[in-house]
C-alpha atoms as a PDB file:
ATOM      1  CA  MET A   1     -82.213  -7.117  86.690  1.00  0.00           C
ATOM      2  CA  LEU A   2     -79.665  -4.320  86.913  1.00  0.00           C
ATOM      3  CA  CYS A   3     -77.760  -5.592  83.881  1.00  0.00           C
ATOM      4  CA  ILE A   4     -80.950  -5.911  81.858  1.00  0.00           C
ATOM      5  CA  GLY A   5     -82.001  -2.370  82.753  1.00  0.00           C
ATOM      6  CA  THR A   6     -78.584  -0.953  81.807  1.00  0.00           C
ATOM      7  CA  ALA A   7     -78.597  -2.715  78.427  1.00  0.00           C
ATOM      8  CA  ALA A   8     -82.117  -1.500  77.691  1.00  0.00           C
ATOM      9  CA  ALA A   9     -81.134   2.071  78.515  1.00  0.00           C
ATOM     10  CA  ALA A  10     -78.085   1.906  76.201  1.00  0.00           C
ATOM     11  CA  LEU A  11     -80.204   0.487  73.373  1.00  0.00           C
ATOM     12  CA  ALA A  12     -82.765   3.223  73.827  1.00  0.00           C
ATOM     13  CA  ALA A  13     -80.025   5.851  73.646  1.00  0.00           C
ATOM     14  CA  VAL A  14     -78.810   4.429  70.336  1.00  0.00           C
ATOM     15  CA  GLN A  15     -82.301   4.342  68.854  1.00  0.00           C
ATOM     16  CA  THR A  16     -83.239   7.879  69.895  1.00  0.00           C
ATOM     17  CA  GLY A  17     -79.969   9.380  68.607  1.00  0.00           C
ATOM     18  CA  ALA A  18     -79.623  12.451  70.780  1.00  0.00           C
ATOM     19  CA  THR A  19     -78.976  15.616  68.722  1.00  0.00           C
ATOM     20  CA  THR A  20     -76.567  17.198  71.190  1.00  0.00           C
ATOM     21  CA  GLY A  21     -73.611  18.581  69.226  1.00  0.00           C
ATOM     22  CA  THR A  22     -75.146  17.776  65.818  1.00  0.00           C
ATOM     23  CA  SER A  23     -74.856  20.712  63.363  1.00  0.00           C
ATOM     24  CA  GLY A  24     -77.575  21.135  60.762  1.00  0.00           C
ATOM     25  CA  VAL A  25     -80.473  23.232  59.604  1.00  0.00           C
ATOM     26  CA  CYS A  26     -83.785  23.044  61.461  1.00  0.00           C
ATOM     27  CA  GLN A  27     -87.233  24.334  60.485  1.00  0.00           C
ATOM     28  CA  LEU A  28     -90.504  24.452  62.422  1.00  0.00           C
ATOM     29  CA  LEU A  29     -93.182  22.218  60.967  1.00  0.00           C
ATOM     30  CA  PRO A  30     -96.741  23.608  60.694  1.00  0.00           C
ATOM     31  CA  PRO A  31     -98.517  22.727  63.979  1.00  0.00           C
ATOM     32  CA  ALA A  32    -101.753  20.819  64.306  1.00  0.00           C
ATOM     33  CA  PRO A  33    -104.931  22.998  64.463  1.00  0.00           C
ATOM     34  CA  THR A  34    -106.344  23.628  67.958  1.00  0.00           C
ATOM     35  CA  THR A  35    -110.050  23.023  68.723  1.00  0.00           C
ATOM     36  CA  PRO A  36    -112.175  24.445  71.675  1.00  0.00           C
ATOM     37  CA  PRO A  37    -113.549  21.950  74.207  1.00  0.00           C
ATOM     38  CA  PRO A  38    -117.053  20.551  73.506  1.00  0.00           C
ATOM     39  CA  GLY A  39    -120.115  22.246  75.117  1.00  0.00           C
ATOM     40  CA  PRO A  40    -121.348  25.842  75.479  1.00  0.00           C
ATOM     41  CA  LEU A  41    -118.891  28.498  76.500  1.00  0.00           C
ATOM     42  CA  PRO A  42    -119.316  30.059  79.974  1.00  0.00           C
ATOM     43  CA  THR A  43    -120.908  33.509  80.119  1.00  0.00           C
ATOM     44  CA  GLY A  44    -118.375  36.308  79.975  1.00  0.00           C
ATOM     45  CA  SER A  45    -115.494  34.084  78.635  1.00  0.00           C
ATOM     46  CA  PRO A  46    -113.810  35.184  75.394  1.00  0.00           C
ATOM     47  CA  SER A  47    -114.932  33.031  72.499  1.00  0.00           C
ATOM     48  CA  SER A  48    -111.659  33.405  70.645  1.00  0.00           C
ATOM     49  CA  THR A  49    -109.561  31.786  73.352  1.00  0.00           C
ATOM     50  CA  SER A  50    -108.797  28.137  72.756  1.00  0.00           C
ATOM     51  CA  THR A  51    -107.921  25.750  75.515  1.00  0.00           C
ATOM     52  CA  GLY A  52    -105.976  23.270  73.376  1.00  0.00           C
ATOM     53  CA  SER A  53    -102.173  23.343  73.005  1.00  0.00           C
ATOM     54  CA  ALA A  54    -100.193  22.373  69.849  1.00  0.00           C
ATOM     55  CA  THR A  55     -96.898  20.456  69.884  1.00  0.00           C
ATOM     56  CA  ILE A  56     -94.004  22.385  68.374  1.00  0.00           C
ATOM     57  CA  THR A  57     -91.889  20.105  66.141  1.00  0.00           C
ATOM     58  CA  GLN A  58     -88.711  20.980  64.296  1.00  0.00           C
ATOM     59  CA  LEU A  59     -87.458  18.959  61.333  1.00  0.00           C
ATOM     60  CA  CYS A  60     -83.662  19.093  60.943  1.00  0.00           C
ATOM     61  CA  ILE A  61     -81.276  17.962  58.225  1.00  0.00           C
ATOM     62  CA  SER A  62     -77.489  18.023  57.788  1.00  0.00           C
ATOM     63  CA  ALA A  63     -75.224  17.032  54.885  1.00  0.00           C
ATOM     64  CA  GLN A  64     -71.475  16.505  54.727  1.00  0.00           C
ATOM     65  CA  ALA A  65     -69.132  15.419  51.936  1.00  0.00           C
ATOM     66  CA  THR A  66     -67.140  12.383  53.069  1.00  0.00           C
ATOM     67  CA  THR A  67     -64.781  12.806  50.094  1.00  0.00           C
ATOM     68  CA  THR A  68     -63.468  16.369  50.019  1.00  0.00           C
ATOM     69  CA  THR A  69     -61.799  16.045  46.592  1.00  0.00           C
ATOM     70  CA  VAL A  70     -62.707  13.898  43.600  1.00  0.00           C
ATOM     71  CA  GLN A  71     -61.163  13.296  40.179  1.00  0.00           C
ATOM     72  CA  PRO A  72     -63.195  13.329  36.928  1.00  0.00           C
ATOM     73  CA  GLY A  73     -64.738   9.894  36.442  1.00  0.00           C
ATOM     74  CA  GLN A  74     -64.839   9.164  40.197  1.00  0.00           C
ATOM     75  CA  THR A  75     -67.748   9.231  42.677  1.00  0.00           C
ATOM     76  CA  ALA A  76     -68.211  11.795  45.467  1.00  0.00           C
ATOM     77  CA  GLN A  77     -69.797  10.431  48.662  1.00  0.00           C
ATOM     78  CA  TYR A  78     -72.057  12.367  51.049  1.00  0.00           C
ATOM     79  CA  ALA A  79     -73.583  11.622  54.486  1.00  0.00           C
ATOM     80  CA  ILE A  80     -77.081  12.955  55.293  1.00  0.00           C
ATOM     81  CA  ASN A  81     -78.687  13.026  58.736  1.00  0.00           C
ATOM     82  CA  VAL A  82     -82.377  13.724  59.420  1.00  0.00           C
ATOM     83  CA  TRP A  83     -83.922  14.105  62.887  1.00  0.00           C
ATOM     84  CA  ALA A  84     -86.853  15.705  64.716  1.00  0.00           C
ATOM     85  CA  ILE A  85     -86.846  17.964  67.788  1.00  0.00           C
ATOM     86  CA  GLY A  86     -89.743  18.660  70.174  1.00  0.00           C
ATOM     87  CA  GLY A  87     -92.102  16.088  68.708  1.00  0.00           C
ATOM     88  CA  SER A  88     -92.465  13.389  66.101  1.00  0.00           C
ATOM     89  CA  ALA A  89     -92.682  13.852  62.339  1.00  0.00           C
ATOM     90  CA  SER A  90     -94.381  11.552  59.848  1.00  0.00           C
ATOM     91  CA  ASN A  91     -94.279  11.079  56.064  1.00  0.00           C
ATOM     92  CA  VAL A  92     -90.633  12.199  56.001  1.00  0.00           C
ATOM     93  CA  THR A  93     -89.028  12.182  52.550  1.00  0.00           C
ATOM     94  CA  VAL A  94     -85.502  13.289  51.648  1.00  0.00           C
ATOM     95  CA  GLN A  95     -84.712  14.307  48.080  1.00  0.00           C
ATOM     96  CA  VAL A  96     -81.228  14.997  46.714  1.00  0.00           C
ATOM     97  CA  ALA A  97     -80.009  16.737  43.543  1.00  0.00           C
ATOM     98  CA  ALA A  98     -76.607  17.486  42.017  1.00  0.00           C
ATOM     99  CA  GLN A  99     -75.478  21.030  41.297  1.00  0.00           C
ATOM    100  CA  PRO A 100     -74.563  21.986  38.646  1.00  0.00           C
ATOM    101  CA  THR A 101     -76.988  19.840  36.700  1.00  0.00           C
ATOM    102  CA  SER A 102     -74.257  18.947  34.173  1.00  0.00           C
ATOM    103  CA  LEU A 103     -72.924  16.470  36.757  1.00  0.00           C
ATOM    104  CA  GLY A 104     -75.989  14.296  36.275  1.00  0.00           C
ATOM    105  CA  ALA A 105     -78.284  12.879  38.933  1.00  0.00           C
ATOM    106  CA  ALA A 106     -77.504  12.328  42.606  1.00  0.00           C
ATOM    107  CA  THR A 107     -78.663   8.980  44.023  1.00  0.00           C
ATOM    108  CA  PHE A 108     -78.885   7.298  47.413  1.00  0.00           C
ATOM    109  CA  GLY A 109     -76.504   4.449  48.125  1.00  0.00           C
ATOM    110  CA  VAL A 110     -77.697   3.673  51.668  1.00  0.00           C
ATOM    111  CA  CYS A 111     -81.369   4.298  52.404  1.00  0.00           C
ATOM    112  CA  GLY A 112     -84.170   2.335  53.996  1.00  0.00           C
ATOM    113  CA  ASN A 113     -86.518   2.811  51.048  1.00  0.00           C
ATOM    114  CA  GLY A 114     -85.150   4.354  47.839  1.00  0.00           C
ATOM    115  CA  ASP A 115     -81.676   2.959  47.161  1.00  0.00           C
ATOM    116  CA  GLY A 116     -80.496   3.922  43.673  1.00  0.00           C
ATOM    117  CA  THR A 117     -82.992   6.802  43.385  1.00  0.00           C
ATOM    118  CA  SER A 118     -82.947  10.493  44.289  1.00  0.00           C
ATOM    119  CA  ALA A 119     -85.776  10.201  46.903  1.00  0.00           C
ATOM    120  CA  CYS A 120     -85.571   8.327  50.193  1.00  0.00           C
ATOM    121  CA  LYS A 121     -88.613   7.687  52.358  1.00  0.00           C
ATOM    122  CA  VAL A 122     -88.075   7.124  56.067  1.00  0.00           C
ATOM    123  CA  PRO A 123     -90.487   5.959  58.740  1.00  0.00           C
ATOM    124  CA  THR A 124     -91.952   8.262  61.315  1.00  0.00           C
ATOM    125  CA  LEU A 125     -89.315  10.143  63.269  1.00  0.00           C
ATOM    126  CA  ALA A 126     -89.746  10.206  66.994  1.00  0.00           C
ATOM    127  CA  ALA A 127     -88.549  13.142  69.005  1.00  0.00           C
ATOM    128  CA  ASN A 128     -84.727  13.307  69.014  1.00  0.00           C
ATOM    129  CA  GLN A 129     -84.431  10.300  66.696  1.00  0.00           C
ATOM    130  CA  THR A 130     -81.783  10.526  63.952  1.00  0.00           C
ATOM    131  CA  ILE A 131     -81.637   8.558  60.724  1.00  0.00           C
ATOM    132  CA  GLN A 132     -78.482   8.604  58.586  1.00  0.00           C
ATOM    133  CA  MET A 133     -78.352   8.060  54.824  1.00  0.00           C
ATOM    134  CA  GLN A 134     -75.624   8.086  52.196  1.00  0.00           C
ATOM    135  CA  ALA A 135     -75.849   9.665  48.735  1.00  0.00           C
ATOM    136  CA  GLN A 136     -73.401   9.935  45.846  1.00  0.00           C
ATOM    137  CA  ILE A 137     -72.626  11.918  42.686  1.00  0.00           C
ATOM    138  CA  THR A 138     -70.643  10.396  39.828  1.00  0.00           C
ATOM    139  CA  VAL A 139     -68.497  13.119  38.269  1.00  0.00           C
ATOM    140  CA  PRO A 140     -68.328  12.860  34.440  1.00  0.00           C
ATOM    141  CA  THR A 141     -64.962  12.259  32.827  1.00  0.00           C
ATOM    142  CA  THR A 142     -65.453  15.494  30.835  1.00  0.00           C
ATOM    143  CA  ALA A 143     -65.504  17.652  33.982  1.00  0.00           C
ATOM    144  CA  THR A 144     -62.877  20.405  33.973  1.00  0.00           C
ATOM    145  CA  GLY A 145     -62.834  21.179  37.694  1.00  0.00           C
ATOM    146  CA  GLY A 146     -65.036  23.183  40.023  1.00  0.00           C
ATOM    147  CA  SER A 147     -67.256  21.682  42.713  1.00  0.00           C
ATOM    148  CA  ALA A 148     -69.845  18.911  43.030  1.00  0.00           C
ATOM    149  CA  THR A 149     -72.630  20.153  45.326  1.00  0.00           C
ATOM    150  CA  LEU A 150     -75.300  17.883  46.806  1.00  0.00           C
ATOM    151  CA  ALA A 151     -78.554  19.701  47.659  1.00  0.00           C
ATOM    152  CA  GLY A 152     -80.807  17.859  50.117  1.00  0.00           C
ATOM    153  CA  THR A 153     -84.378  18.711  51.081  1.00  0.00           C
ATOM    154  CA  ALA A 154     -86.382  16.967  53.820  1.00  0.00           C
ATOM    155  CA  THR A 155     -90.168  17.234  54.056  1.00  0.00           C
ATOM    156  CA  GLY A 156     -92.464  16.020  56.832  1.00  0.00           C
ATOM    157  CA  VAL A 157     -95.649  16.547  58.803  1.00  0.00           C
ATOM    158  CA  SER A 158     -95.843  17.062  62.553  1.00  0.00           C
ATOM    159  CA  THR A 159     -98.160  14.941  64.672  1.00  0.00           C
ATOM    160  CA  GLY A 160    -101.782  15.867  64.099  1.00  0.00           C
ATOM    161  CA  ALA A 161    -101.016  18.406  61.368  1.00  0.00           C
ATOM    162  CA  THR A 162    -102.078  18.262  57.740  1.00  0.00           C
ATOM    163  CA  THR A 163     -99.669  20.796  56.252  1.00  0.00           C
ATOM    164  CA  THR A 164     -96.218  19.695  55.122  1.00  0.00           C
ATOM    165  CA  GLY A 165     -93.071  21.581  56.058  1.00  0.00           C
ATOM    166  CA  SER A 166     -89.603  21.367  54.550  1.00  0.00           C
ATOM    167  CA  VAL A 167     -85.958  22.164  55.319  1.00  0.00           C
ATOM    168  CA  SER A 168     -82.942  22.206  52.977  1.00  0.00           C
ATOM    169  CA  THR A 169     -79.136  22.039  53.167  1.00  0.00           C
ATOM    170  CA  SER A 170     -76.182  21.329  50.902  1.00  0.00           C
ATOM    171  CA  ALA A 171     -72.608  20.024  50.912  1.00  0.00           C
ATOM    172  CA  SER A 172     -69.833  20.329  48.323  1.00  0.00           C
ATOM    173  CA  ALA A 173     -66.777  18.399  47.196  1.00  0.00           C
ATOM    174  CA  THR A 174     -63.972  19.839  45.076  1.00  0.00           C
ATOM    175  CA  VAL A 175     -63.593  18.445  41.556  1.00  0.00           C
ATOM    176  CA  MET A 176     -59.941  18.365  40.594  1.00  0.00           C
ATOM    177  CA  LYS A 177     -58.779  19.428  37.158  1.00  0.00           C
ATOM    178  CA  PRO A 178     -57.873  16.506  34.891  1.00  0.00           C
ATOM    179  CA  THR A 179     -54.192  15.687  34.719  1.00  0.00           C
ATOM    180  CA  PRO A 180     -52.899  16.640  31.250  1.00  0.00           C
ATOM    181  CA  THR A 181     -51.414  13.837  29.172  1.00  0.00           C
ATOM    182  CA  PRO A 182     -47.654  14.354  28.835  1.00  0.00           C
ATOM    183  CA  THR A 183     -46.492  15.100  25.304  1.00  0.00           C
ATOM    184  CA  PRO A 184     -43.656  12.817  24.158  1.00  0.00           C
ATOM    185  CA  THR A 185     -40.387  14.663  23.725  1.00  0.00           C
ATOM    186  CA  PRO A 186     -39.027  14.372  20.149  1.00  0.00           C
ATOM    187  CA  THR A 187     -35.586  12.862  19.720  1.00  0.00           C
ATOM    188  CA  PRO A 188     -33.067  15.674  19.144  1.00  0.00           C
ATOM    189  CA  THR A 189     -31.342  15.750  15.750  1.00  0.00           C
ATOM    190  CA  HIS A 190     -27.618  16.522  15.745  1.00  0.00           C
ATOM    191  CA  THR A 191     -26.778  19.170  13.167  1.00  0.00           C
ATOM    192  CA  HIS A 192     -23.358  20.623  12.345  1.00  0.00           C
ATOM    193  CA  SER A 193     -22.708  24.144  11.215  1.00  0.00           C
ATOM    194  CA  SER A 194     -21.054  24.469   7.818  1.00  0.00           C
ATOM    195  CA  SER A 195     -17.663  26.158   7.518  1.00  0.00           C
ATOM    196  CA  GLY A 196     -17.770  26.619   3.721  1.00  0.00           C
ATOM    197  CA  SER A 197     -20.442  27.701   1.303  1.00  0.00           C
ATOM    198  CA  SER A 198     -24.143  27.428   2.112  1.00  0.00           C
ATOM    199  CA  THR A 199     -24.676  24.672  -0.482  1.00  0.00           C
ATOM    200  CA  GLY A 200     -23.618  21.883   1.855  1.00  0.00           C
ATOM    201  CA  SER A 201     -19.887  22.431   2.410  1.00  0.00           C
ATOM    202  CA  GLY A 202     -18.745  21.961   5.982  1.00  0.00           C
ATOM    203  CA  SER A 203     -17.064  19.588   8.366  1.00  0.00           C
ATOM    204  CA  GLY A 204     -18.453  16.074   8.394  1.00  0.00           C
ATOM    205  CA  LEU A 205     -21.625  15.213   6.594  1.00  0.00           C
ATOM    206  CA  GLY A 206     -23.668  18.327   5.936  1.00  0.00           C
ATOM    207  CA  THR A 207     -27.364  18.645   5.251  1.00  0.00           C
ATOM    208  CA  GLY A 208     -27.071  20.822   2.118  1.00  0.00           C
ATOM    209  CA  LEU A 209     -26.400  19.931  -1.497  1.00  0.00           C
ATOM    210  CA  GLY A 210     -24.284  16.809  -1.781  1.00  0.00           C
ATOM    211  CA  GLY A 211     -24.643  16.045   1.943  1.00  0.00           C
ATOM    212  CA  THR A 212     -26.701  13.580   3.918  1.00  0.00           C
ATOM    213  CA  GLN A 213     -28.530  13.855   7.230  1.00  0.00           C
ATOM    214  CA  PRO A 214     -26.614  11.981   9.967  1.00  0.00           C
ATOM    215  CA  LEU A 215     -28.428   9.212  11.791  1.00  0.00           C
ATOM    216  CA  ASN A 216     -29.703   9.907  15.303  1.00  0.00           C
ATOM    217  CA  GLY A 217     -27.127   9.083  17.930  1.00  0.00           C
ATOM    218  CA  LEU A 218     -24.237   8.558  15.436  1.00  0.00           C
ATOM    219  CA  GLN A 219     -21.358  10.938  15.163  1.00  0.00           C
ATOM    220  CA  PRO A 220     -20.641  12.122  11.609  1.00  0.00           C
ATOM    221  CA  LEU A 221     -17.491  11.002   9.844  1.00  0.00           C
ATOM    222  CA  SER A 222     -14.726  13.558   9.790  1.00  0.00           C
ATOM    223  CA  GLY A 223     -13.895  14.455   6.224  1.00  0.00           C
ATOM    224  CA  ARG A 224     -11.400  16.766   4.586  1.00  0.00           C
ATOM    225  CA  GLN A 225     -11.502  20.332   5.692  1.00  0.00           C
ATOM    226  CA  GLY A 226     -11.962  23.164   3.252  1.00  0.00           C
ATOM    227  CA  PRO A 227     -14.389  24.120   0.519  1.00  0.00           C
ATOM    228  CA  GLY A 228     -16.319  21.235  -0.958  1.00  0.00           C
ATOM    229  CA  SER A 229     -15.705  18.948   2.040  1.00  0.00           C
ATOM    230  CA  GLY A 230     -19.433  18.359   2.293  1.00  0.00           C
ATOM    231  CA  ASN A 231     -19.291  16.204  -0.875  1.00  0.00           C
ATOM    232  CA  PRO A 232     -19.209  12.476   0.060  1.00  0.00           C
ATOM    233  CA  SER A 233     -16.634  11.838  -2.729  1.00  0.00           C
ATOM    234  CA  ASN A 234     -14.086  13.736  -0.655  1.00  0.00           C
ATOM    235  CA  LEU A 235     -14.298  10.993   1.967  1.00  0.00           C
ATOM    236  CA  PHE A 236     -12.573   8.482  -0.367  1.00  0.00           C
ATOM    237  CA  PRO A 237      -8.778   8.582  -0.830  1.00  0.00           C
ATOM    238  CA  THR A 238      -7.381   9.910  -4.082  1.00  0.00           C
ATOM    239  CA  ILE A 239      -5.138   7.419  -5.917  1.00  0.00           C
ATOM    240  CA  SER A 240      -2.239   9.109  -7.728  1.00  0.00           C
ATOM    241  CA  PRO A 241       1.423   8.115  -8.289  1.00  0.00           C
ATOM    242  CA  SER A 242       3.802   9.594  -5.813  1.00  0.00           C
ATOM    243  CA  PRO A 243       6.599  11.827  -7.159  1.00  0.00           C
ATOM    244  CA  GLY A 244       9.327   9.366  -6.070  1.00  0.00           C
ATOM    245  CA  ALA A 245       7.706   6.201  -7.458  1.00  0.00           C
ATOM    246  CA  SER A 246       9.688   4.287 -10.073  1.00  0.00           C
ATOM    247  CA  VAL A 247       8.196   3.786 -13.512  1.00  0.00           C
ATOM    248  CA  PRO A 248       8.911   0.523 -15.403  1.00  0.00           C
ATOM    249  CA  GLY A 249      11.572   0.972 -18.065  1.00  0.00           C
ATOM    250  CA  THR A 250      13.119   4.018 -16.453  1.00  0.00           C
ATOM    251  CA  ALA A 251      15.785   4.504 -13.882  1.00  0.00           C
ATOM    252  CA  THR A 252      14.741   4.179 -10.272  1.00  0.00           C
ATOM    253  CA  GLY A 253      14.148   7.485  -8.594  1.00  0.00           C
ATOM    254  CA  SER A 254      13.997   9.479 -11.799  1.00  0.00           C
ATOM    255  CA  LYS A 255      11.227  11.943 -12.182  1.00  0.00           C
ATOM    256  CA  ALA A 256       8.627  11.144 -14.809  1.00  0.00           C
ATOM    257  CA  ASN A 257       7.640  13.897 -17.134  1.00  0.00           C
ATOM    258  CA  HIS A 258       3.882  14.001 -17.092  1.00  0.00           C
ATOM    259  CA  GLY A 259       2.708  15.443 -20.356  1.00  0.00           C
ATOM    260  CA  PRO A 260      -0.821  15.849 -21.580  1.00  0.00           C
ATOM    261  CA  TYR A 261      -2.691  12.592 -21.746  1.00  0.00           C
ATOM    262  CA  ARG A 262      -3.277  11.191 -25.244  1.00  0.00           C
ATOM    263  CA  ALA A 263      -5.505   8.265 -26.106  1.00  0.00           C
ATOM    264  CA  THR A 264      -3.374   5.458 -27.584  1.00  0.00           C
ATOM    265  CA  THR A 265      -4.461   2.181 -29.148  1.00  0.00           C
ATOM    266  CA  VAL A 266      -3.305  -0.826 -27.184  1.00  0.00           C
ATOM    267  CA  ALA A 267      -1.807  -2.383 -30.361  1.00  0.00           C
ATOM    268  CA  ASP A 268       0.474   0.654 -30.793  1.00  0.00           C
ATOM    269  CA  ILE A 269       2.111   0.073 -27.429  1.00  0.00           C
ATOM    270  CA  LEU A 270       5.097  -2.256 -27.843  1.00  0.00           C
ATOM    271  CA  PRO A 271       6.174  -3.928 -25.793  1.00  0.00           C
ATOM    272  CA  LEU A 272       3.478  -4.385 -23.248  1.00  0.00           C
ATOM    273  CA  ASN A 273       6.016  -5.882 -20.887  1.00  0.00           C
ATOM    274  CA  THR A 274       9.817  -5.964 -21.135  1.00  0.00           C
ATOM    275  CA  ARG A 275       9.935  -9.520 -19.828  1.00  0.00           C
ATOM    276  CA  GLN A 276       7.738 -10.654 -22.734  1.00  0.00           C
ATOM    277  CA  LEU A 277       9.859  -8.883 -25.392  1.00  0.00           C
ATOM    278  CA  GLY A 278      11.929 -12.004 -26.241  1.00  0.00           C
ATOM    279  CA  SER A 279       8.920 -14.253 -26.684  1.00  0.00           C
ATOM    280  CA  GLN A 280       7.197 -11.649 -28.825  1.00  0.00           C
ATOM    281  CA  ILE A 281      10.262 -11.353 -31.149  1.00  0.00           C
ATOM    282  CA  ALA A 282      10.555 -15.124 -31.394  1.00  0.00           C
ATOM    283  CA  GLY A 283       6.912 -15.385 -32.365  1.00  0.00           C
ATOM    284  CA  LEU A 284       7.327 -12.757 -35.037  1.00  0.00           C
ATOM    285  CA  VAL A 285      10.409 -14.593 -36.461  1.00  0.00           C
ATOM    286  CA  VAL A 286       8.498 -17.878 -36.636  1.00  0.00           C
ATOM    287  CA  LEU A 287       5.596 -16.130 -38.323  1.00  0.00           C
ATOM    288  CA  ALA A 288       7.926 -14.524 -40.871  1.00  0.00           C
ATOM    289  CA  ILE A 289       9.601 -17.858 -41.664  1.00  0.00           C
ATOM    290  CA  GLY A 290       6.260 -19.491 -42.197  1.00  0.00           C
ATOM    291  CA  ILE A 291       5.204 -16.766 -44.582  1.00  0.00           C
ATOM    292  CA  VAL A 292       8.439 -17.081 -46.523  1.00  0.00           C
ATOM    293  CA  ILE A 293       8.094 -20.868 -46.832  1.00  0.00           C
ATOM    294  CA  ALA A 294       4.519 -20.554 -48.004  1.00  0.00           C
ATOM    295  CA  VAL A 295       5.429 -17.986 -50.654  1.00  0.00           C
ATOM    296  CA  ALA A 296       8.405 -20.067 -51.850  1.00  0.00           C
ATOM    297  CA  ARG A 297       6.333 -23.195 -52.292  1.00  0.00           C
ATOM    298  CA  ILE A 298       3.698 -21.326 -54.218  1.00  0.00           C
ATOM    299  CA  SER A 299       6.225 -19.612 -56.506  1.00  0.00           C
ATOM    300  CA  LEU A 300       8.352 -22.757 -57.166  1.00  0.00           C
ATOM    301  CA  ARG A 301       5.432 -24.996 -57.970  1.00  0.00           C
ATOM    302  CA  LYS A 302       5.317 -25.846 -61.659  1.00  0.00           C
ATOM    303  CA  PRO A 303       2.014 -25.710 -63.394  1.00  0.00           C
ATOM    304  CA  ARG A 304       0.634 -29.059 -64.513  1.00  0.00           C
ATOM    305  CA  THR A 305       0.418 -29.763 -68.158  1.00  0.00           C
ATOM    306  CA  GLN A 306      -2.417 -31.735 -69.604  1.00  0.00           C
ATOM    307  CA  GLY A 307      -1.511 -35.049 -71.032  1.00  0.00           C
ATOM    308  CA  LYS A 308      -1.747 -35.576 -74.642  1.00  0.00           C
END
């Protein structure tokens, strides 16, 4: 029997939800009207004095953001508690709204009657009984920071009364500014200052006239220094006979006299090669002998006479 009594007392404490230490906003509900007792009033008693007594009931509400910060596109969560002090309250309804209104609508996620809506209806609240609900606000992806405030309002009627009373509170969560998208860093282009004229002359491959833009990550070729080194033709070697080179048909080591160049027909150059000089002379001798033989035969031939 002792165990059963202890368990029943603990269960009753959970159901009543004592409000000791609970912070919130409380508001007196309109009391029930008082009526005089039936029958005639005694002589000499004031008629305006009523013998009935009204129960004083307070309706309380508290709200707290369970997520202190939220990113755009995420959901902010809030916890809402509603309880009554001094007496019971009936027809209790809790409504929530998001501020600013650009955040959209606030809805209940955990509620006895009204999940997914902005209004939650609870049963009659007994004295010192607390009911907890959960609401949420989905922050748009276009939000640029600020705060997401949940405004909650509880309405109810005290026992025996006909007039509704209300109490309001709010809680806020900080909306973080969106993280900016990093801008890709462009690949640096290696440029070389020109040491010659501004038309592309310089060391390596220039970017002016006659130059080309070096590829990214490749070092430019080192060319000849001086004016005009930006021209790609300066990168190729110049072919010219050296001063000490021997020329066919002349003594070794002798200096060749380079005069002005004159166009000459190939047939006028004889011989083309000193090693072919003997065969060329022999060919000419054979050709001359053939010509002589042909002329001799033609000149010594007697003309034919016609027979009689």
